[in-house]
């Protein structure tokens, strides 16, 4: 099981625009959860959202949206602001079959 960003370069945007980040993952399991986090310099990562199997999701901030396929997950940030400048992580959790 693995997950990695599709684009490893910095993403540059103007305030007010939407930005989409993508990760590709590989697993044989159907019981998965996909997480997104962001980390500011010298801070611990902050939970952004969870998108799981069986349509389970936890998205506390409506500016964030996620689309998921069998092999990838996307995080879209609507109306970006300067405070969205951070390092973003995607994570894959594989549950028991």
PDB file of N, CA and C in Angstrom:
ATOM      1  N   UNK A   1       0.852  -1.195   0.000  1.00  0.00           N
ATOM      2  CA  UNK A   1       0.000   0.000   0.000  1.00  0.00           C
ATOM      3  C   UNK A   1       0.881   1.236   0.000  1.00  0.00           C
ATOM      4  N   UNK A   2       0.547   2.202  -0.845  1.00  0.00           N
ATOM      5  CA  UNK A   2       1.377   3.407  -0.938  1.00  0.00           C
ATOM      6  C   UNK A   2       0.530   4.595  -1.378  1.00  0.00           C
ATOM      7  N   UNK A   3       1.058   5.783  -1.084  1.00  0.00           N
ATOM      8  CA  UNK A   3       0.423   7.026  -1.520  1.00  0.00           C
ATOM      9  C   UNK A   3       1.518   8.057  -1.730  1.00  0.00           C
ATOM     10  N   UNK A   4       1.354   8.883  -2.757  1.00  0.00           N
ATOM     11  CA  UNK A   4       2.350   9.921  -3.031  1.00  0.00           C
ATOM     12  C   UNK A   4       1.707  11.072  -3.791  1.00  0.00           C
ATOM     13  N   UNK A   5       2.275  12.269  -3.647  1.00  0.00           N
ATOM     14  CA  UNK A   5       1.729  13.419  -4.382  1.00  0.00           C
ATOM     15  C   UNK A   5       1.954  13.268  -5.878  1.00  0.00           C
ATOM     16  N   UNK A   6       0.983  13.730  -6.668  1.00  0.00           N
ATOM     17  CA  UNK A   6       1.140  13.701  -8.124  1.00  0.00           C
ATOM     18  C   UNK A   6       2.092  14.794  -8.581  1.00  0.00           C
ATOM     19  N   UNK A   7       2.031  15.936  -7.919  1.00  0.00           N
ATOM     20  CA  UNK A   7       2.860  17.085  -8.287  1.00  0.00           C
ATOM     21  C   UNK A   7       3.716  17.454  -7.087  1.00  0.00           C
ATOM     22  N   UNK A   8       5.016  17.284  -7.225  1.00  0.00           N
ATOM     23  CA  UNK A   8       5.909  17.536  -6.092  1.00  0.00           C
ATOM     24  C   UNK A   8       6.426  18.973  -6.065  1.00  0.00           C
ATOM     25  N   UNK A   9       6.043  19.771  -7.048  1.00  0.00           N
ATOM     26  CA  UNK A   9       6.491  21.161  -7.096  1.00  0.00           C
ATOM     27  C   UNK A   9       5.592  22.045  -6.234  1.00  0.00           C
ATOM     28  N   UNK A  10       6.103  23.225  -5.895  1.00  0.00           N
ATOM     29  CA  UNK A  10       5.278  24.212  -5.207  1.00  0.00           C
ATOM     30  C   UNK A  10       4.149  24.653  -6.128  1.00  0.00           C
ATOM     31  N   UNK A  11       3.001  24.904  -5.544  1.00  0.00           N
ATOM     32  CA  UNK A  11       1.863  25.417  -6.311  1.00  0.00           C
ATOM     33  C   UNK A  11       1.679  26.874  -5.943  1.00  0.00           C
ATOM     34  N   UNK A  12       1.640  27.710  -6.961  1.00  0.00           N
ATOM     35  CA  UNK A  12       1.515  29.152  -6.757  1.00  0.00           C
ATOM     36  C   UNK A  12       0.153  29.598  -7.278  1.00  0.00           C
ATOM     37  N   UNK A  13      -0.516  30.428  -6.494  1.00  0.00           N
ATOM     38  CA  UNK A  13      -1.859  30.871  -6.833  1.00  0.00           C
ATOM     39  C   UNK A  13      -2.062  32.295  -6.353  1.00  0.00           C
ATOM     40  N   UNK A  14      -3.098  32.930  -6.878  1.00  0.00           N
ATOM     41  CA  UNK A  14      -3.503  34.252  -6.405  1.00  0.00           C
ATOM     42  C   UNK A  14      -4.633  34.099  -5.393  1.00  0.00           C
ATOM     43  N   UNK A  15      -4.708  35.038  -4.469  1.00  0.00           N
ATOM     44  CA  UNK A  15      -5.800  35.017  -3.497  1.00  0.00           C
ATOM     45  C   UNK A  15      -7.142  35.036  -4.228  1.00  0.00           C
ATOM     46  N   UNK A  16      -8.076  34.247  -3.702  1.00  0.00           N
ATOM     47  CA  UNK A  16      -9.406  34.184  -4.289  1.00  0.00           C
ATOM     48  C   UNK A  16      -9.578  33.064  -5.299  1.00  0.00           C
ATOM     49  N   UNK A  17      -8.482  32.526  -5.803  1.00  0.00           N
ATOM     50  CA  UNK A  17      -8.571  31.428  -6.759  1.00  0.00           C
ATOM     51  C   UNK A  17      -8.799  30.103  -6.023  1.00  0.00           C
ATOM     52  N   UNK A  18      -9.114  29.072  -6.795  1.00  0.00           N
ATOM     53  CA  UNK A  18      -9.187  27.716  -6.249  1.00  0.00           C
ATOM     54  C   UNK A  18      -7.922  26.969  -6.622  1.00  0.00           C
ATOM     55  N   UNK A  19      -7.480  26.112  -5.720  1.00  0.00           N
ATOM     56  CA  UNK A  19      -6.275  25.308  -5.934  1.00  0.00           C
ATOM     57  C   UNK A  19      -6.632  23.854  -5.688  1.00  0.00           C
ATOM     58  N   UNK A  20      -6.128  22.969  -6.547  1.00  0.00           N
ATOM     59  CA  UNK A  20      -6.356  21.540  -6.371  1.00  0.00           C
ATOM     60  C   UNK A  20      -5.020  20.815  -6.229  1.00  0.00           C
ATOM     61  N   UNK A  21      -4.906  20.035  -5.161  1.00  0.00           N
ATOM     62  CA  UNK A  21      -3.741  19.194  -4.902  1.00  0.00           C
ATOM     63  C   UNK A  21      -4.155  17.743  -5.112  1.00  0.00           C
ATOM     64  N   UNK A  22      -3.250  16.924  -5.634  1.00  0.00           N
ATOM     65  CA  UNK A  22      -3.596  15.541  -5.959  1.00  0.00           C
ATOM     66  C   UNK A  22      -2.565  14.565  -5.420  1.00  0.00           C
ATOM     67  N   UNK A  23      -3.051  13.406  -5.012  1.00  0.00           N
ATOM     68  CA  UNK A  23      -2.184  12.291  -4.627  1.00  0.00           C
ATOM     69  C   UNK A  23      -2.672  11.028  -5.319  1.00  0.00           C
ATOM     70  N   UNK A  24      -1.724  10.192  -5.715  1.00  0.00           N
ATOM     71  CA  UNK A  24      -2.033   8.874  -6.259  1.00  0.00           C
ATOM     72  C   UNK A  24      -1.788   7.838  -5.175  1.00  0.00           C
ATOM     73  N   UNK A  25      -2.645   6.832  -5.130  1.00  0.00           N
ATOM     74  CA  UNK A  25      -2.420   5.771  -4.150  1.00  0.00           C
ATOM     75  C   UNK A  25      -2.637   4.411  -4.793  1.00  0.00           C
ATOM     76  N   UNK A  26      -2.066   3.402  -4.146  1.00  0.00           N
ATOM     77  CA  UNK A  26      -2.161   2.028  -4.638  1.00  0.00           C
ATOM     78  C   UNK A  26      -2.435   1.114  -3.452  1.00  0.00           C
ATOM     79  N   UNK A  27      -3.526   0.398  -3.532  1.00  0.00           N
ATOM     80  CA  UNK A  27      -3.875  -0.551  -2.480  1.00  0.00           C
ATOM     81  C   UNK A  27      -4.804  -1.601  -3.065  1.00  0.00           C
ATOM     82  N   UNK A  28      -4.776  -2.784  -2.495  1.00  0.00           N
ATOM     83  CA  UNK A  28      -5.697  -3.838  -2.923  1.00  0.00           C
ATOM     84  C   UNK A  28      -6.938  -3.875  -2.030  1.00  0.00           C
ATOM     85  N   UNK A  29      -6.954  -3.039  -1.011  1.00  0.00           N
ATOM     86  CA  UNK A  29      -8.054  -3.034  -0.049  1.00  0.00           C
ATOM     87  C   UNK A  29      -9.202  -2.147  -0.521  1.00  0.00           C
ATOM     88  N   UNK A  30     -10.416  -2.535  -0.167  1.00  0.00           N
ATOM     89  CA  UNK A  30     -11.589  -1.684  -0.393  1.00  0.00           C
ATOM     90  C   UNK A  30     -11.922  -0.864   0.843  1.00  0.00           C
ATOM     91  N   UNK A  31     -11.309  -1.212   1.954  1.00  0.00           N
ATOM     92  CA  UNK A  31     -11.599  -0.550   3.229  1.00  0.00           C
ATOM     93  C   UNK A  31     -10.491   0.467   3.523  1.00  0.00           C
ATOM     94  N   UNK A  32     -10.615   1.655   2.918  1.00  0.00           N
ATOM     95  CA  UNK A  32      -9.567   2.669   3.062  1.00  0.00           C
ATOM     96  C   UNK A  32     -10.146   3.984   3.558  1.00  0.00           C
ATOM     97  N   UNK A  33      -9.274   4.771   4.145  1.00  0.00           N
ATOM     98  CA  UNK A  33      -9.590   6.145   4.515  1.00  0.00           C
ATOM     99  C   UNK A  33      -8.469   7.032   3.984  1.00  0.00           C
ATOM    100  N   UNK A  34      -8.840   8.138   3.370  1.00  0.00           N
ATOM    101  CA  UNK A  34      -7.868   9.081   2.824  1.00  0.00           C
ATOM    102  C   UNK A  34      -7.956  10.380   3.608  1.00  0.00           C
ATOM    103  N   UNK A  35      -6.820  10.833   4.102  1.00  0.00           N
ATOM    104  CA  UNK A  35      -6.750  12.011   4.958  1.00  0.00           C
ATOM    105  C   UNK A  35      -5.936  13.097   4.275  1.00  0.00           C
ATOM    106  N   UNK A  36      -6.279  14.346   4.557  1.00  0.00           N
ATOM    107  CA  UNK A  36      -5.461  15.497   4.163  1.00  0.00           C
ATOM    108  C   UNK A  36      -5.129  16.300   5.417  1.00  0.00           C
ATOM    109  N   UNK A  37      -3.877  16.742   5.481  1.00  0.00           N
ATOM    110  CA  UNK A  37      -3.391  17.575   6.579  1.00  0.00           C
ATOM    111  C   UNK A  37      -2.621  18.748   5.996  1.00  0.00           C
ATOM    112  N   UNK A  38      -2.522  19.820   6.785  1.00  0.00           N
ATOM    113  CA  UNK A  38      -1.595  20.887   6.394  1.00  0.00           C
ATOM    114  C   UNK A  38      -0.719  21.221   7.581  1.00  0.00           C
ATOM    115  N   UNK A  39       0.494  21.676   7.256  1.00  0.00           N
ATOM    116  CA  UNK A  39       1.466  21.984   8.302  1.00  0.00           C
ATOM    117  C   UNK A  39       2.114  23.329   8.028  1.00  0.00           C
ATOM    118  N   UNK A  40       2.014  24.198   9.017  1.00  0.00           N
ATOM    119  CA  UNK A  40       2.716  25.482   8.964  1.00  0.00           C
ATOM    120  C   UNK A  40       4.118  25.292   9.531  1.00  0.00           C
ATOM    121  N   UNK A  41       5.049  26.138   9.153  1.00  0.00           N
ATOM    122  CA  UNK A  41       6.426  25.996   9.657  1.00  0.00           C
ATOM    123  C   UNK A  41       6.474  25.934  11.186  1.00  0.00           C
ATOM    124  N   UNK A  42       7.236  24.998  11.699  1.00  0.00           N
ATOM    125  CA  UNK A  42       7.447  24.810  13.140  1.00  0.00           C
ATOM    126  C   UNK A  42       6.171  24.497  13.915  1.00  0.00           C
ATOM    127  N   UNK A  43       5.173  23.937  13.230  1.00  0.00           N
ATOM    128  CA  UNK A  43       3.907  23.551  13.870  1.00  0.00           C
ATOM    129  C   UNK A  43       3.631  22.082  13.572  1.00  0.00           C
ATOM    130  N   UNK A  44       2.741  21.492  14.358  1.00  0.00           N
ATOM    131  CA  UNK A  44       2.338  20.111  14.072  1.00  0.00           C
ATOM    132  C   UNK A  44       1.300  20.120  12.940  1.00  0.00           C
ATOM    133  N   UNK A  45       1.195  19.035  12.194  1.00  0.00           N
ATOM    134  CA  UNK A  45       0.187  18.989  11.113  1.00  0.00           C
ATOM    135  C   UNK A  45      -1.231  19.145  11.663  1.00  0.00           C
ATOM    136  N   UNK A  46      -2.067  19.826  10.886  1.00  0.00           N
ATOM    137  CA  UNK A  46      -3.477  20.036  11.241  1.00  0.00           C
ATOM    138  C   UNK A  46      -4.354  19.189  10.326  1.00  0.00           C
ATOM    139  N   UNK A  47      -5.334  18.521  10.915  1.00  0.00           N
ATOM    140  CA  UNK A  47      -6.302  17.747  10.137  1.00  0.00           C
ATOM    141  C   UNK A  47      -7.156  18.678   9.281  1.00  0.00           C
ATOM    142  N   UNK A  48      -7.309  18.350   8.001  1.00  0.00           N
ATOM    143  CA  UNK A  48      -8.201  19.115   7.115  1.00  0.00           C
ATOM    144  C   UNK A  48      -9.474  18.330   6.839  1.00  0.00           C
ATOM    145  N   UNK A  49      -9.305  17.089   6.352  1.00  0.00           N
ATOM    146  CA  UNK A  49     -10.495  16.307   6.043  1.00  0.00           C
ATOM    147  C   UNK A  49     -10.172  14.829   5.924  1.00  0.00           C
ATOM    148  N   UNK A  50     -11.227  14.052   5.991  1.00  0.00           N
ATOM    149  CA  UNK A  50     -11.189  12.596   5.829  1.00  0.00           C
ATOM    150  C   UNK A  50     -12.190  12.232   4.752  1.00  0.00           C
ATOM    151  N   UNK A  51     -11.751  11.423   3.829  1.00  0.00           N
ATOM    152  CA  UNK A  51     -12.654  10.874   2.823  1.00  0.00           C
ATOM    153  C   UNK A  51     -12.432   9.371   2.849  1.00  0.00           C
ATOM    154  N   UNK A  52     -13.493   8.612   3.175  1.00  0.00           N
ATOM    155  CA  UNK A  52     -13.304   7.191   3.369  1.00  0.00           C
ATOM    156  C   UNK A  52     -14.140   6.336   2.455  1.00  0.00           C
ATOM    157  N   UNK A  53     -13.948   5.056   2.595  1.00  0.00           N
ATOM    158  CA  UNK A  53     -14.764   4.094   1.880  1.00  0.00           C
ATOM    159  C   UNK A  53     -16.200   4.169   2.404  1.00  0.00           C
ATOM    160  N   UNK A  54     -17.110   3.572   1.672  1.00  0.00           N
ATOM    161  CA  UNK A  54     -18.535   3.576   2.040  1.00  0.00           C
ATOM    162  C   UNK A  54     -19.068   5.000   2.253  1.00  0.00           C
ATOM    163  N   UNK A  55     -18.592   5.948   1.435  1.00  0.00           N
ATOM    164  CA  UNK A  55     -19.101   7.332   1.436  1.00  0.00           C
ATOM    165  C   UNK A  55     -18.916   8.058   2.766  1.00  0.00           C
ATOM    166  N   UNK A  56     -18.080   7.539   3.639  1.00  0.00           N
ATOM    167  CA  UNK A  56     -17.800   8.203   4.917  1.00  0.00           C
ATOM    168  C   UNK A  56     -16.945   9.443   4.645  1.00  0.00           C
ATOM    169  N   UNK A  57     -17.269  10.549   5.306  1.00  0.00           N
ATOM    170  CA  UNK A  57     -16.419  11.731   5.159  1.00  0.00           C
ATOM    171  C   UNK A  57     -16.538  12.631   6.386  1.00  0.00           C
ATOM    172  N   UNK A  58     -15.488  13.415   6.581  1.00  0.00           N
ATOM    173  CA  UNK A  58     -15.441  14.391   7.676  1.00  0.00           C
ATOM    174  C   UNK A  58     -14.711  15.608   7.127  1.00  0.00           C
ATOM    175  N   UNK A  59     -15.476  16.653   6.798  1.00  0.00           N
ATOM    176  CA  UNK A  59     -14.900  17.854   6.191  1.00  0.00           C
ATOM    177  C   UNK A  59     -15.383  19.070   6.996  1.00  0.00           C
ATOM    178  N   UNK A  60     -14.623  19.441   8.028  1.00  0.00           N
ATOM    179  CA  UNK A  60     -15.079  20.510   8.935  1.00  0.00           C
ATOM    180  C   UNK A  60     -15.191  21.892   8.296  1.00  0.00           C
ATOM    181  N   UNK A  61     -14.362  22.206   7.297  1.00  0.00           N
ATOM    182  CA  UNK A  61     -14.342  23.538   6.689  1.00  0.00           C
ATOM    183  C   UNK A  61     -14.868  23.442   5.265  1.00  0.00           C
ATOM    184  N   UNK A  62     -15.949  24.168   4.967  1.00  0.00           N
ATOM    185  CA  UNK A  62     -16.598  24.059   3.656  1.00  0.00           C
ATOM    186  C   UNK A  62     -15.750  24.615   2.512  1.00  0.00           C
ATOM    187  N   UNK A  63     -14.646  25.311   2.817  1.00  0.00           N
ATOM    188  CA  UNK A  63     -13.759  25.770   1.739  1.00  0.00           C
ATOM    189  C   UNK A  63     -12.974  24.623   1.129  1.00  0.00           C
ATOM    190  N   UNK A  64     -12.916  23.508   1.843  1.00  0.00           N
ATOM    191  CA  UNK A  64     -12.182  22.344   1.363  1.00  0.00           C
ATOM    192  C   UNK A  64     -13.148  21.317   0.782  1.00  0.00           C
ATOM    193  N   UNK A  65     -12.770  20.770  -0.365  1.00  0.00           N
ATOM    194  CA  UNK A  65     -13.542  19.702  -0.981  1.00  0.00           C
ATOM    195  C   UNK A  65     -12.582  18.600  -1.384  1.00  0.00           C
ATOM    196  N   UNK A  66     -13.097  17.383  -1.465  1.00  0.00           N
ATOM    197  CA  UNK A  66     -12.256  16.269  -1.874  1.00  0.00           C
ATOM    198  C   UNK A  66     -12.998  15.397  -2.858  1.00  0.00           C
ATOM    199  N   UNK A  67     -12.291  14.982  -3.895  1.00  0.00           N
ATOM    200  CA  UNK A  67     -12.801  14.012  -4.865  1.00  0.00           C
ATOM    201  C   UNK A  67     -11.852  12.826  -4.849  1.00  0.00           C
ATOM    202  N   UNK A  68     -12.417  11.635  -4.863  1.00  0.00           N
ATOM    203  CA  UNK A  68     -11.601  10.430  -4.740  1.00  0.00           C
ATOM    204  C   UNK A  68     -12.016   9.416  -5.784  1.00  0.00           C
ATOM    205  N   UNK A  69     -11.031   8.771  -6.389  1.00  0.00           N
ATOM    206  CA  UNK A  69     -11.275   7.679  -7.321  1.00  0.00           C
ATOM    207  C   UNK A  69     -10.611   6.415  -6.769  1.00  0.00           C
ATOM    208  N   UNK A  70     -10.564   5.366  -7.568  1.00  0.00           N
ATOM    209  CA  UNK A  70      -9.944   4.113  -7.132  1.00  0.00           C
ATOM    210  C   UNK A  70      -8.435   4.242  -6.983  1.00  0.00           C
ATOM    211  N   UNK A  71      -7.836   5.274  -7.594  1.00  0.00           N
ATOM    212  CA  UNK A  71      -6.372   5.379  -7.585  1.00  0.00           C
ATOM    213  C   UNK A  71      -5.840   6.746  -7.164  1.00  0.00           C
ATOM    214  N   UNK A  72      -6.738   7.712  -6.924  1.00  0.00           N
ATOM    215  CA  UNK A  72      -6.244   9.046  -6.581  1.00  0.00           C
ATOM    216  C   UNK A  72      -7.229   9.784  -5.680  1.00  0.00           C
ATOM    217  N   UNK A  73      -6.704  10.809  -5.032  1.00  0.00           N
ATOM    218  CA  UNK A  73      -7.528  11.687  -4.210  1.00  0.00           C
ATOM    219  C   UNK A  73      -7.097  13.119  -4.459  1.00  0.00           C
ATOM    220  N   UNK A  74      -8.065  14.022  -4.456  1.00  0.00           N
ATOM    221  CA  UNK A  74      -7.785  15.435  -4.683  1.00  0.00           C
ATOM    222  C   UNK A  74      -8.309  16.262  -3.524  1.00  0.00           C
ATOM    223  N   UNK A  75      -7.580  17.307  -3.219  1.00  0.00           N
ATOM    224  CA  UNK A  75      -8.020  18.314  -2.256  1.00  0.00           C
ATOM    225  C   UNK A  75      -8.162  19.625  -3.008  1.00  0.00           C
ATOM    226  N   UNK A  76      -9.342  20.197  -2.998  1.00  0.00           N
ATOM    227  CA  UNK A  76      -9.559  21.513  -3.606  1.00  0.00           C
ATOM    228  C   UNK A  76      -9.805  22.524  -2.497  1.00  0.00           C
ATOM    229  N   UNK A  77      -9.049  23.604  -2.552  1.00  0.00           N
ATOM    230  CA  UNK A  77      -9.212  24.713  -1.614  1.00  0.00           C
ATOM    231  C   UNK A  77      -9.852  25.852  -2.380  1.00  0.00           C
ATOM    232  N   UNK A  78     -11.033  26.261  -1.954  1.00  0.00           N
ATOM    233  CA  UNK A  78     -11.745  27.349  -2.631  1.00  0.00           C
ATOM    234  C   UNK A  78     -11.341  28.688  -2.017  1.00  0.00           C
ATOM    235  N   UNK A  79     -11.255  29.701  -2.853  1.00  0.00           N
ATOM    236  CA  UNK A  79     -10.957  31.068  -2.407  1.00  0.00           C
ATOM    237  C   UNK A  79      -9.739  31.103  -1.491  1.00  0.00           C
ATOM    238  N   UNK A  80      -8.593  30.697  -2.034  1.00  0.00           N
ATOM    239  CA  UNK A  80      -7.386  30.641  -1.209  1.00  0.00           C
ATOM    240  C   UNK A  80      -7.008  32.016  -0.669  1.00  0.00           C
ATOM    241  N   UNK A  81      -6.410  31.992   0.516  1.00  0.00           N
ATOM    242  CA  UNK A  81      -5.893  33.208   1.130  1.00  0.00           C
ATOM    243  C   UNK A  81      -4.426  32.969   1.472  1.00  0.00           C
ATOM    244  N   UNK A  82      -3.756  34.012   1.883  1.00  0.00           N
ATOM    245  CA  UNK A  82      -2.356  33.896   2.254  1.00  0.00           C
ATOM    246  C   UNK A  82      -2.160  32.864   3.360  1.00  0.00           C
ATOM    247  N   UNK A  83      -3.132  32.738   4.243  1.00  0.00           N
ATOM    248  CA  UNK A  83      -3.003  31.796   5.364  1.00  0.00           C
ATOM    249  C   UNK A  83      -3.088  30.339   4.918  1.00  0.00           C
ATOM    250  N   UNK A  84      -3.426  30.093   3.659  1.00  0.00           N
ATOM    251  CA  UNK A  84      -3.413  28.725   3.141  1.00  0.00           C
ATOM    252  C   UNK A  84      -2.021  28.291   2.702  1.00  0.00           C
ATOM    253  N   UNK A  85      -1.051  29.205   2.751  1.00  0.00           N
ATOM    254  CA  UNK A  85       0.330  28.861   2.398  1.00  0.00           C
ATOM    255  C   UNK A  85       0.883  27.922   3.468  1.00  0.00           C
ATOM    256  N   UNK A  86       1.144  26.685   3.066  1.00  0.00           N
ATOM    257  CA  UNK A  86       1.577  25.662   4.024  1.00  0.00           C
ATOM    258  C   UNK A  86       2.037  24.439   3.246  1.00  0.00           C
ATOM    259  N   UNK A  87       2.528  23.453   3.991  1.00  0.00           N
ATOM    260  CA  UNK A  87       2.869  22.156   3.421  1.00  0.00           C
ATOM    261  C   UNK A  87       1.669  21.245   3.619  1.00  0.00           C
ATOM    262  N   UNK A  88       1.216  20.610   2.556  1.00  0.00           N
ATOM    263  CA  UNK A  88       0.034  19.752   2.609  1.00  0.00           C
ATOM    264  C   UNK A  88       0.433  18.287   2.467  1.00  0.00           C
ATOM    265  N   UNK A  89      -0.226  17.431   3.265  1.00  0.00           N
ATOM    266  CA  UNK A  89       0.048  16.002   3.253  1.00  0.00           C
ATOM    267  C   UNK A  89      -1.220  15.233   2.933  1.00  0.00           C
ATOM    268  N   UNK A  90      -1.069  14.190   2.148  1.00  0.00           N
ATOM    269  CA  UNK A  90      -2.130  13.211   1.991  1.00  0.00           C
ATOM    270  C   UNK A  90      -1.689  11.941   2.701  1.00  0.00           C
ATOM    271  N   UNK A  91      -2.636  11.206   3.266  1.00  0.00           N
ATOM    272  CA  UNK A  91      -2.316   9.982   3.986  1.00  0.00           C
ATOM    273  C   UNK A  91      -3.377   8.926   3.683  1.00  0.00           C
ATOM    274  N   UNK A  92      -2.916   7.692   3.614  1.00  0.00           N
ATOM    275  CA  UNK A  92      -3.769   6.547   3.335  1.00  0.00           C
ATOM    276  C   UNK A  92      -3.785   5.625   4.550  1.00  0.00           C
ATOM    277  N   UNK A  93      -4.979   5.281   5.002  1.00  0.00           N
ATOM    278  CA  UNK A  93      -5.125   4.314   6.094  1.00  0.00           C
ATOM    279  C   UNK A  93      -5.908   3.127   5.546  1.00  0.00           C
ATOM    280  N   UNK A  94      -5.337   1.957   5.697  1.00  0.00           N
ATOM    281  CA  UNK A  94      -5.977   0.727   5.219  1.00  0.00           C
ATOM    282  C   UNK A  94      -6.530  -0.033   6.414  1.00  0.00           C
ATOM    283  N   UNK A  95      -7.823  -0.275   6.410  1.00  0.00           N
ATOM    284  CA  UNK A  95      -8.468  -1.000   7.503  1.00  0.00           C
ATOM    285  C   UNK A  95      -8.471  -2.491   7.257  1.00  0.00           C
ATOM    286  N   UNK A  96      -8.967  -3.224   8.222  1.00  0.00           N
ATOM    287  CA  UNK A  96      -9.071  -4.680   8.110  1.00  0.00           C
ATOM    288  C   UNK A  96     -10.096  -5.037   7.031  1.00  0.00           C
ATOM    289  N   UNK A  97      -9.840  -6.107   6.329  1.00  0.00           N
ATOM    290  CA  UNK A  97     -10.759  -6.560   5.267  1.00  0.00           C
ATOM    291  C   UNK A  97     -11.979  -7.251   5.865  1.00  0.00           C
TER     292      UNK A  97
END
